[in-house]
Amino acid sequence: MSGTGNISAEARLFMFICGLLFLLWTISELRQRKLLVTIASLFVLTGLGFIWFALVPNLFDSVAFAIGIKYPPLLYLILGYFVLLALIGNLAARLSMVDERCRRLTEELAIMDTMKSALENQLTKQLPHEDKSSLGAKRSNQILDVEQITGLETRDVKPFG
């Protein structure tokens, strides 16, 4: 029982074009750095699978019968399931890494903000008390000094969101 491949030439051509377009899109997105390499590799394998199926559909049926699957389209479903499972696993791992990185950056930002506040307080204590009109100018000079000391620029700090 080695499948006869009842797939029409039009369907095979359609599968070939879909696989080729998917492959070209993936490579284009990867070159523009819009797609992660691990995800792109899964997409490339999927596009090549479409092309391979279009060129040699009987091979898929033969493999399905050889491993004991009596209904060959079930093999496509199983392969698709494993590709999606790999994609979900990869995205879950990436999400965990991004979450950890975000937590670490938030902690570092809080530490820098505390250091900046401490330096501003220290500079405020060192200034002699003068009239209130010159205090605004002194305050902006203090902020500039703190920015020079810490390397932080308050105008470059943007809120999350």
N, C-alpha and C. Protein backbone atom coordinates (compact mmCIF):
# COMPACT_ATOMS: atom_id res chain seq x y z
N MET A 1 0.83 -1.17 0.00
CA MET A 1 0.00 0.00 0.00
C MET A 1 0.88 1.25 0.00
N SER A 2 1.37 1.66 -1.10
CA SER A 2 2.24 2.84 -1.19
C SER A 2 1.50 3.94 -1.91
N GLY A 3 0.92 4.86 -1.25
CA GLY A 3 0.04 5.88 -1.78
C GLY A 3 0.29 6.27 -3.23
N THR A 4 -0.75 6.58 -3.93
CA THR A 4 -0.64 6.89 -5.35
C THR A 4 -0.48 8.38 -5.59
N GLY A 5 -0.69 9.17 -4.58
CA GLY A 5 -0.52 10.62 -4.75
C GLY A 5 -1.60 11.20 -5.64
N ASN A 6 -2.81 11.25 -5.16
CA ASN A 6 -3.94 11.77 -5.93
C ASN A 6 -4.01 13.29 -5.90
N ILE A 7 -2.90 13.94 -5.83
CA ILE A 7 -2.87 15.39 -5.76
C ILE A 7 -2.72 15.94 -7.18
N SER A 8 -3.60 16.86 -7.52
CA SER A 8 -3.58 17.41 -8.88
C SER A 8 -2.35 18.29 -9.08
N ALA A 9 -2.04 18.52 -10.35
CA ALA A 9 -0.89 19.36 -10.69
C ALA A 9 -1.11 20.80 -10.22
N GLU A 10 -2.36 21.27 -10.27
CA GLU A 10 -2.67 22.63 -9.81
C GLU A 10 -2.43 22.77 -8.31
N ALA A 11 -2.83 21.76 -7.54
CA ALA A 11 -2.63 21.79 -6.09
C ALA A 11 -1.14 21.75 -5.76
N ARG A 12 -0.38 20.95 -6.50
CA ARG A 12 1.06 20.88 -6.27
C ARG A 12 1.73 22.21 -6.62
N LEU A 13 1.30 22.84 -7.71
CA LEU A 13 1.84 24.14 -8.08
C LEU A 13 1.51 25.18 -7.02
N PHE A 14 0.27 25.14 -6.50
CA PHE A 14 -0.14 26.06 -5.44
C PHE A 14 0.73 25.86 -4.19
N MET A 15 0.95 24.62 -3.79
CA MET A 15 1.80 24.32 -2.62
C MET A 15 3.23 24.81 -2.85
N PHE A 16 3.74 24.62 -4.06
CA PHE A 16 5.09 25.07 -4.39
C PHE A 16 5.20 26.58 -4.28
N ILE A 17 4.23 27.31 -4.85
CA ILE A 17 4.25 28.78 -4.81
C ILE A 17 4.11 29.27 -3.37
N CYS A 18 3.22 28.64 -2.60
CA CYS A 18 3.05 29.04 -1.19
C CYS A 18 4.35 28.82 -0.41
N GLY A 19 4.97 27.68 -0.61
CA GLY A 19 6.23 27.39 0.08
C GLY A 19 7.32 28.36 -0.32
N LEU A 20 7.42 28.66 -1.60
CA LEU A 20 8.43 29.58 -2.09
C LEU A 20 8.21 30.99 -1.55
N LEU A 21 6.96 31.46 -1.57
CA LEU A 21 6.65 32.80 -1.04
C LEU A 21 6.94 32.87 0.46
N PHE A 22 6.57 31.82 1.19
CA PHE A 22 6.83 31.78 2.63
C PHE A 22 8.33 31.80 2.91
N LEU A 23 9.08 31.07 2.12
CA LEU A 23 10.53 31.02 2.26
C LEU A 23 11.15 32.39 1.95
N LEU A 24 10.72 33.02 0.88
CA LEU A 24 11.24 34.34 0.51
C LEU A 24 10.87 35.41 1.55
N TRP A 25 9.64 35.35 2.05
CA TRP A 25 9.21 36.30 3.08
C TRP A 25 10.06 36.13 4.34
N THR A 26 10.30 34.90 4.73
CA THR A 26 11.09 34.62 5.93
C THR A 26 12.50 35.16 5.78
N ILE A 27 13.12 34.92 4.65
CA ILE A 27 14.48 35.40 4.41
C ILE A 27 14.51 36.93 4.39
N SER A 28 13.50 37.55 3.79
CA SER A 28 13.42 39.01 3.76
C SER A 28 13.29 39.59 5.17
N GLU A 29 12.43 39.01 5.98
CA GLU A 29 12.25 39.50 7.35
C GLU A 29 13.51 39.27 8.18
N LEU A 30 14.18 38.18 7.94
CA LEU A 30 15.41 37.88 8.67
C LEU A 30 16.52 38.86 8.29
N ARG A 31 16.61 39.21 7.02
CA ARG A 31 17.63 40.17 6.57
C ARG A 31 17.39 41.56 7.14
N GLN A 32 16.12 41.90 7.36
CA GLN A 32 15.78 43.20 7.94
C GLN A 32 15.79 43.16 9.47
N ARG A 33 16.18 42.04 10.03
CA ARG A 33 16.26 41.83 11.48
C ARG A 33 14.92 42.02 12.17
N LYS A 34 13.84 41.63 11.51
CA LYS A 34 12.52 41.70 12.10
C LYS A 34 12.07 40.35 12.66
N LEU A 35 12.88 39.33 12.47
CA LEU A 35 12.52 37.98 12.86
C LEU A 35 13.71 37.34 13.56
N LEU A 36 13.43 36.63 14.64
CA LEU A 36 14.49 35.94 15.36
C LEU A 36 14.99 34.75 14.53
N VAL A 37 16.27 34.44 14.68
CA VAL A 37 16.87 33.37 13.89
C VAL A 37 16.22 32.02 14.18
N THR A 38 15.93 31.75 15.45
CA THR A 38 15.33 30.45 15.79
C THR A 38 13.94 30.29 15.19
N ILE A 39 13.17 31.36 15.21
CA ILE A 39 11.83 31.29 14.61
C ILE A 39 11.95 31.22 13.09
N ALA A 40 12.87 31.98 12.54
CA ALA A 40 13.07 31.95 11.10
C ALA A 40 13.49 30.56 10.63
N SER A 41 14.29 29.87 11.42
CA SER A 41 14.70 28.52 11.02
C SER A 41 13.50 27.58 10.96
N LEU A 42 12.57 27.72 11.90
CA LEU A 42 11.35 26.92 11.82
C LEU A 42 10.53 27.28 10.58
N PHE A 43 10.46 28.56 10.27
CA PHE A 43 9.72 29.00 9.08
C PHE A 43 10.39 28.52 7.80
N VAL A 44 11.72 28.55 7.77
CA VAL A 44 12.43 28.06 6.59
C VAL A 44 12.16 26.57 6.40
N LEU A 45 12.22 25.81 7.49
CA LEU A 45 11.92 24.37 7.39
C LEU A 45 10.49 24.14 6.91
N THR A 46 9.56 24.94 7.37
CA THR A 46 8.17 24.80 6.94
C THR A 46 8.04 25.13 5.45
N GLY A 47 8.67 26.22 5.01
CA GLY A 47 8.62 26.57 3.59
C GLY A 47 9.25 25.49 2.72
N LEU A 48 10.39 24.95 3.18
CA LEU A 48 11.02 23.86 2.43
C LEU A 48 10.15 22.60 2.43
N GLY A 49 9.45 22.38 3.54
CA GLY A 49 8.52 21.26 3.60
C GLY A 49 7.40 21.39 2.58
N PHE A 50 6.86 22.60 2.43
CA PHE A 50 5.82 22.84 1.42
C PHE A 50 6.37 22.55 0.02
N ILE A 51 7.57 23.07 -0.24
CA ILE A 51 8.17 22.86 -1.56
C ILE A 51 8.46 21.38 -1.80
N TRP A 52 9.00 20.72 -0.80
CA TRP A 52 9.31 19.30 -0.92
C TRP A 52 8.04 18.49 -1.16
N PHE A 53 6.98 18.82 -0.43
CA PHE A 53 5.70 18.13 -0.62
C PHE A 53 5.17 18.35 -2.04
N ALA A 54 5.33 19.56 -2.56
CA ALA A 54 4.84 19.86 -3.90
C ALA A 54 5.62 19.08 -4.96
N LEU A 55 6.91 18.91 -4.73
CA LEU A 55 7.74 18.21 -5.72
C LEU A 55 7.63 16.69 -5.61
N VAL A 56 7.50 16.17 -4.40
CA VAL A 56 7.49 14.71 -4.20
C VAL A 56 6.37 14.33 -3.22
N PRO A 57 5.11 14.44 -3.62
CA PRO A 57 4.02 14.13 -2.68
C PRO A 57 3.93 12.64 -2.34
N ASN A 58 4.35 11.78 -3.25
CA ASN A 58 4.27 10.34 -2.99
C ASN A 58 5.22 9.93 -1.86
N LEU A 59 6.30 10.65 -1.70
CA LEU A 59 7.26 10.33 -0.64
C LEU A 59 6.61 10.48 0.73
N PHE A 60 5.82 11.54 0.92
CA PHE A 60 5.14 11.74 2.19
C PHE A 60 4.18 10.59 2.46
N ASP A 61 3.45 10.17 1.45
CA ASP A 61 2.52 9.05 1.62
C ASP A 61 3.28 7.77 1.95
N SER A 62 4.39 7.54 1.29
CA SER A 62 5.19 6.34 1.54
C SER A 62 5.74 6.34 2.96
N VAL A 63 6.20 7.50 3.44
CA VAL A 63 6.70 7.59 4.81
C VAL A 63 5.58 7.34 5.80
N ALA A 64 4.41 7.90 5.52
CA ALA A 64 3.27 7.69 6.42
C ALA A 64 2.91 6.20 6.51
N PHE A 65 2.84 5.53 5.39
CA PHE A 65 2.52 4.10 5.41
C PHE A 65 3.64 3.30 6.07
N ALA A 66 4.90 3.72 5.87
CA ALA A 66 6.03 2.99 6.44
C ALA A 66 6.05 3.05 7.97
N ILE A 67 5.61 4.16 8.54
CA ILE A 67 5.61 4.26 10.00
C ILE A 67 4.27 3.86 10.61
N GLY A 68 3.38 3.32 9.80
CA GLY A 68 2.14 2.74 10.31
C GLY A 68 0.94 3.67 10.33
N ILE A 69 1.04 4.80 9.66
CA ILE A 69 -0.10 5.71 9.59
C ILE A 69 -0.89 5.33 8.34
N LYS A 70 -2.13 4.94 8.54
CA LYS A 70 -2.94 4.44 7.43
C LYS A 70 -3.59 5.57 6.62
N TYR A 71 -3.67 6.75 7.20
CA TYR A 71 -4.27 7.90 6.53
C TYR A 71 -3.18 9.00 6.43
N PRO A 72 -2.50 9.11 5.27
CA PRO A 72 -1.34 10.00 5.13
C PRO A 72 -1.54 11.46 5.56
N PRO A 73 -2.71 12.08 5.34
CA PRO A 73 -2.84 13.46 5.80
C PRO A 73 -2.65 13.61 7.32
N LEU A 74 -2.80 12.53 8.06
CA LEU A 74 -2.56 12.59 9.49
C LEU A 74 -1.08 12.88 9.78
N LEU A 75 -0.19 12.44 8.93
CA LEU A 75 1.24 12.73 9.08
C LEU A 75 1.49 14.24 8.99
N TYR A 76 0.80 14.91 8.08
CA TYR A 76 0.95 16.37 7.94
C TYR A 76 0.47 17.06 9.22
N LEU A 77 -0.61 16.57 9.77
CA LEU A 77 -1.14 17.14 11.00
C LEU A 77 -0.15 16.95 12.15
N ILE A 78 0.43 15.77 12.25
CA ILE A 78 1.41 15.49 13.30
C ILE A 78 2.64 16.38 13.14
N LEU A 79 3.14 16.51 11.92
CA LEU A 79 4.30 17.37 11.68
C LEU A 79 3.98 18.83 12.02
N GLY A 80 2.80 19.29 11.63
CA GLY A 80 2.38 20.65 11.95
C GLY A 80 2.28 20.86 13.46
N TYR A 81 1.79 19.85 14.17
CA TYR A 81 1.69 19.92 15.62
C TYR A 81 3.07 20.11 16.24
N PHE A 82 4.06 19.33 15.79
CA PHE A 82 5.39 19.44 16.36
C PHE A 82 6.06 20.78 16.01
N VAL A 83 5.81 21.31 14.83
CA VAL A 83 6.35 22.62 14.47
C VAL A 83 5.75 23.70 15.38
N LEU A 84 4.43 23.63 15.60
CA LEU A 84 3.79 24.61 16.49
C LEU A 84 4.27 24.46 17.93
N LEU A 85 4.46 23.23 18.36
CA LEU A 85 4.96 22.98 19.71
C LEU A 85 6.37 23.56 19.89
N ALA A 86 7.22 23.38 18.89
CA ALA A 86 8.57 23.96 18.94
C ALA A 86 8.51 25.49 18.95
N LEU A 87 7.61 26.06 18.17
CA LEU A 87 7.47 27.51 18.13
C LEU A 87 6.99 28.05 19.47
N ILE A 88 6.02 27.39 20.09
CA ILE A 88 5.51 27.83 21.39
C ILE A 88 6.60 27.71 22.45
N GLY A 89 7.35 26.62 22.43
CA GLY A 89 8.44 26.46 23.39
C GLY A 89 9.49 27.54 23.24
N ASN A 90 9.84 27.86 22.00
CA ASN A 90 10.83 28.90 21.75
C ASN A 90 10.32 30.25 22.23
N LEU A 91 9.07 30.57 21.93
CA LEU A 91 8.52 31.87 22.34
C LEU A 91 8.40 31.96 23.86
N ALA A 92 8.06 30.86 24.52
CA ALA A 92 7.98 30.87 25.99
C ALA A 92 9.35 31.12 26.60
N ALA A 93 10.38 30.52 26.04
CA ALA A 93 11.74 30.74 26.54
C ALA A 93 12.15 32.20 26.33
N ARG A 94 11.85 32.75 25.15
CA ARG A 94 12.17 34.16 24.88
C ARG A 94 11.42 35.09 25.82
N LEU A 95 10.16 34.79 26.09
CA LEU A 95 9.36 35.62 26.99
C LEU A 95 9.96 35.62 28.39
N SER A 96 10.42 34.47 28.85
CA SER A 96 11.05 34.38 30.17
C SER A 96 12.32 35.22 30.21
N MET A 97 13.12 35.17 29.15
CA MET A 97 14.35 35.95 29.10
C MET A 97 14.05 37.45 29.10
N VAL A 98 13.06 37.87 28.35
CA VAL A 98 12.70 39.29 28.28
C VAL A 98 12.15 39.75 29.63
N ASP A 99 11.36 38.92 30.28
CA ASP A 99 10.81 39.26 31.59
C ASP A 99 11.93 39.45 32.61
N GLU A 100 12.90 38.55 32.60
CA GLU A 100 14.04 38.66 33.51
C GLU A 100 14.86 39.91 33.21
N ARG A 101 15.07 40.20 31.95
CA ARG A 101 15.83 41.39 31.56
C ARG A 101 15.10 42.67 31.98
N CYS A 102 13.79 42.69 31.82
CA CYS A 102 13.00 43.85 32.22
C CYS A 102 13.07 44.06 33.73
N ARG A 103 13.00 42.97 34.51
CA ARG A 103 13.09 43.06 35.96
C ARG A 103 14.45 43.61 36.37
N ARG A 104 15.51 43.11 35.75
CA ARG A 104 16.86 43.54 36.07
C ARG A 104 17.06 45.02 35.72
N LEU A 105 16.56 45.45 34.56
CA LEU A 105 16.70 46.86 34.16
C LEU A 105 15.90 47.78 35.09
N THR A 106 14.75 47.32 35.55
CA THR A 106 13.95 48.11 36.49
C THR A 106 14.71 48.29 37.80
N GLU A 107 15.35 47.22 38.27
CA GLU A 107 16.14 47.32 39.50
C GLU A 107 17.31 48.28 39.31
N GLU A 108 18.00 48.19 38.19
CA GLU A 108 19.13 49.08 37.93
C GLU A 108 18.67 50.54 37.84
N LEU A 109 17.52 50.77 37.23
CA LEU A 109 16.98 52.12 37.13
C LEU A 109 16.64 52.67 38.51
N ALA A 110 16.07 51.84 39.37
CA ALA A 110 15.74 52.28 40.73
C ALA A 110 17.01 52.62 41.51
N ILE A 111 18.06 51.82 41.35
CA ILE A 111 19.32 52.10 42.03
C ILE A 111 19.92 53.41 41.53
N MET A 112 19.90 53.63 40.23
CA MET A 112 20.44 54.87 39.66
C MET A 112 19.63 56.08 40.12
N ASP A 113 18.32 55.93 40.20
CA ASP A 113 17.47 57.02 40.65
C ASP A 113 17.77 57.37 42.11
N THR A 114 17.98 56.33 42.93
CA THR A 114 18.33 56.56 44.33
C THR A 114 19.67 57.26 44.45
N MET A 115 20.64 56.83 43.65
CA MET A 115 21.96 57.47 43.67
C MET A 115 21.86 58.93 43.23
N LYS A 116 21.05 59.19 42.22
CA LYS A 116 20.89 60.56 41.72
C LYS A 116 20.24 61.44 42.79
N SER A 117 19.22 60.91 43.46
CA SER A 117 18.56 61.68 44.53
C SER A 117 19.53 61.97 45.67
N ALA A 118 20.34 60.97 46.03
CA ALA A 118 21.31 61.17 47.10
C ALA A 118 22.33 62.24 46.72
N LEU A 119 22.79 62.22 45.49
CA LEU A 119 23.73 63.25 45.05
C LEU A 119 23.10 64.63 45.02
N GLU A 120 21.84 64.70 44.59
CA GLU A 120 21.15 65.99 44.59
C GLU A 120 21.00 66.52 46.01
N ASN A 121 20.64 65.65 46.95
CA ASN A 121 20.51 66.07 48.35
C ASN A 121 21.85 66.53 48.91
N GLN A 122 22.90 65.82 48.56
CA GLN A 122 24.23 66.19 49.03
C GLN A 122 24.62 67.57 48.49
N LEU A 123 24.34 67.82 47.22
CA LEU A 123 24.66 69.13 46.64
C LEU A 123 23.81 70.24 47.25
N THR A 124 22.55 69.94 47.55
CA THR A 124 21.66 70.93 48.16
C THR A 124 22.16 71.32 49.54
N LYS A 125 22.66 70.35 50.31
CA LYS A 125 23.16 70.63 51.66
C LYS A 125 24.45 71.44 51.61
N GLN A 126 25.23 71.28 50.57
CA GLN A 126 26.50 71.99 50.48
C GLN A 126 26.34 73.46 50.08
N LEU A 127 25.22 73.80 49.46
CA LEU A 127 25.00 75.19 49.03
C LEU A 127 24.61 76.04 50.22
N PRO A 128 25.16 77.24 50.30
CA PRO A 128 24.71 78.16 51.36
C PRO A 128 23.31 78.65 51.02
N HIS A 129 22.56 78.98 52.06
CA HIS A 129 21.21 79.49 51.83
C HIS A 129 21.28 80.90 51.27
N GLU A 130 20.69 81.06 50.09
CA GLU A 130 20.70 82.37 49.43
C GLU A 130 19.27 82.77 49.14
N ASP A 131 19.11 83.91 48.50
CA ASP A 131 17.76 84.36 48.19
C ASP A 131 17.09 83.42 47.19
N LYS A 132 15.79 83.39 47.20
CA LYS A 132 15.03 82.42 46.43
C LYS A 132 15.11 82.67 44.93
N SER A 133 15.44 83.86 44.47
CA SER A 133 15.49 84.13 43.04
C SER A 133 16.66 83.41 42.38
N SER A 134 17.77 83.30 43.08
CA SER A 134 18.91 82.62 42.49
C SER A 134 18.87 81.11 42.73
N LEU A 135 17.91 80.66 43.55
CA LEU A 135 17.83 79.23 43.87
C LEU A 135 17.46 78.39 42.65
N GLY A 136 16.60 78.91 41.76
CA GLY A 136 16.22 78.18 40.55
C GLY A 136 17.42 77.94 39.65
N ALA A 137 18.25 78.96 39.48
CA ALA A 137 19.45 78.82 38.65
C ALA A 137 20.42 77.83 39.29
N LYS A 138 20.55 77.90 40.61
CA LYS A 138 21.43 76.98 41.31
C LYS A 138 20.93 75.55 41.14
N ARG A 139 19.60 75.37 41.22
CA ARG A 139 19.00 74.03 41.11
C ARG A 139 19.31 73.43 39.74
N SER A 140 19.19 74.21 38.65
CA SER A 140 19.49 73.65 37.35
C SER A 140 20.97 73.36 37.19
N ASN A 141 21.83 74.16 37.82
CA ASN A 141 23.25 73.85 37.81
C ASN A 141 23.54 72.56 38.57
N GLN A 142 22.81 72.35 39.67
CA GLN A 142 22.98 71.11 40.44
C GLN A 142 22.60 69.90 39.60
N ILE A 143 21.48 70.02 38.89
CA ILE A 143 21.02 68.89 38.07
C ILE A 143 22.06 68.60 37.00
N LEU A 144 22.62 69.65 36.38
CA LEU A 144 23.65 69.43 35.39
C LEU A 144 24.87 68.76 36.01
N ASP A 145 25.26 69.19 37.22
CA ASP A 145 26.39 68.56 37.90
C ASP A 145 26.12 67.08 38.17
N VAL A 146 24.92 66.76 38.63
CA VAL A 146 24.56 65.37 38.91
C VAL A 146 24.59 64.56 37.62
N GLU A 147 24.13 65.16 36.53
CA GLU A 147 24.15 64.46 35.25
C GLU A 147 25.59 64.19 34.82
N GLN A 148 26.48 65.14 35.05
CA GLN A 148 27.88 64.94 34.69
C GLN A 148 28.52 63.86 35.56
N ILE A 149 28.20 63.86 36.84
CA ILE A 149 28.78 62.88 37.75
C ILE A 149 28.29 61.46 37.45
N THR A 150 26.97 61.33 37.28
CA THR A 150 26.40 59.98 37.11
C THR A 150 26.41 59.50 35.67
N GLY A 151 26.54 60.43 34.73
CA GLY A 151 26.47 60.04 33.32
C GLY A 151 25.04 59.92 32.84
N LEU A 152 24.08 60.25 33.68
CA LEU A 152 22.66 60.19 33.31
C LEU A 152 22.21 61.54 32.81
N GLU A 153 21.34 61.52 31.84
CA GLU A 153 20.74 62.76 31.37
C GLU A 153 19.25 62.64 31.58
N THR A 154 18.68 63.54 32.38
CA THR A 154 17.27 63.41 32.74
C THR A 154 16.36 63.60 31.53
N ARG A 155 16.78 64.36 30.55
CA ARG A 155 15.91 64.55 29.39
C ARG A 155 15.83 63.29 28.52
N ASP A 156 16.83 62.39 28.64
CA ASP A 156 16.82 61.15 27.87
C ASP A 156 16.04 60.03 28.54
N VAL A 157 15.69 60.20 29.80
CA VAL A 157 14.94 59.16 30.51
C VAL A 157 13.50 59.25 30.08
N LYS A 158 12.98 58.16 29.54
CA LYS A 158 11.60 58.14 29.06
C LYS A 158 10.82 57.16 29.91
N PRO A 159 9.58 57.50 30.26
CA PRO A 159 8.79 56.56 31.06
C PRO A 159 8.39 55.35 30.23
N PHE A 160 8.16 54.23 30.94
CA PHE A 160 7.70 53.02 30.25
C PHE A 160 6.27 53.22 29.76
N GLY A 161 5.90 52.52 28.71
CA GLY A 161 4.52 52.56 28.28
C GLY A 161 4.33 53.07 26.95
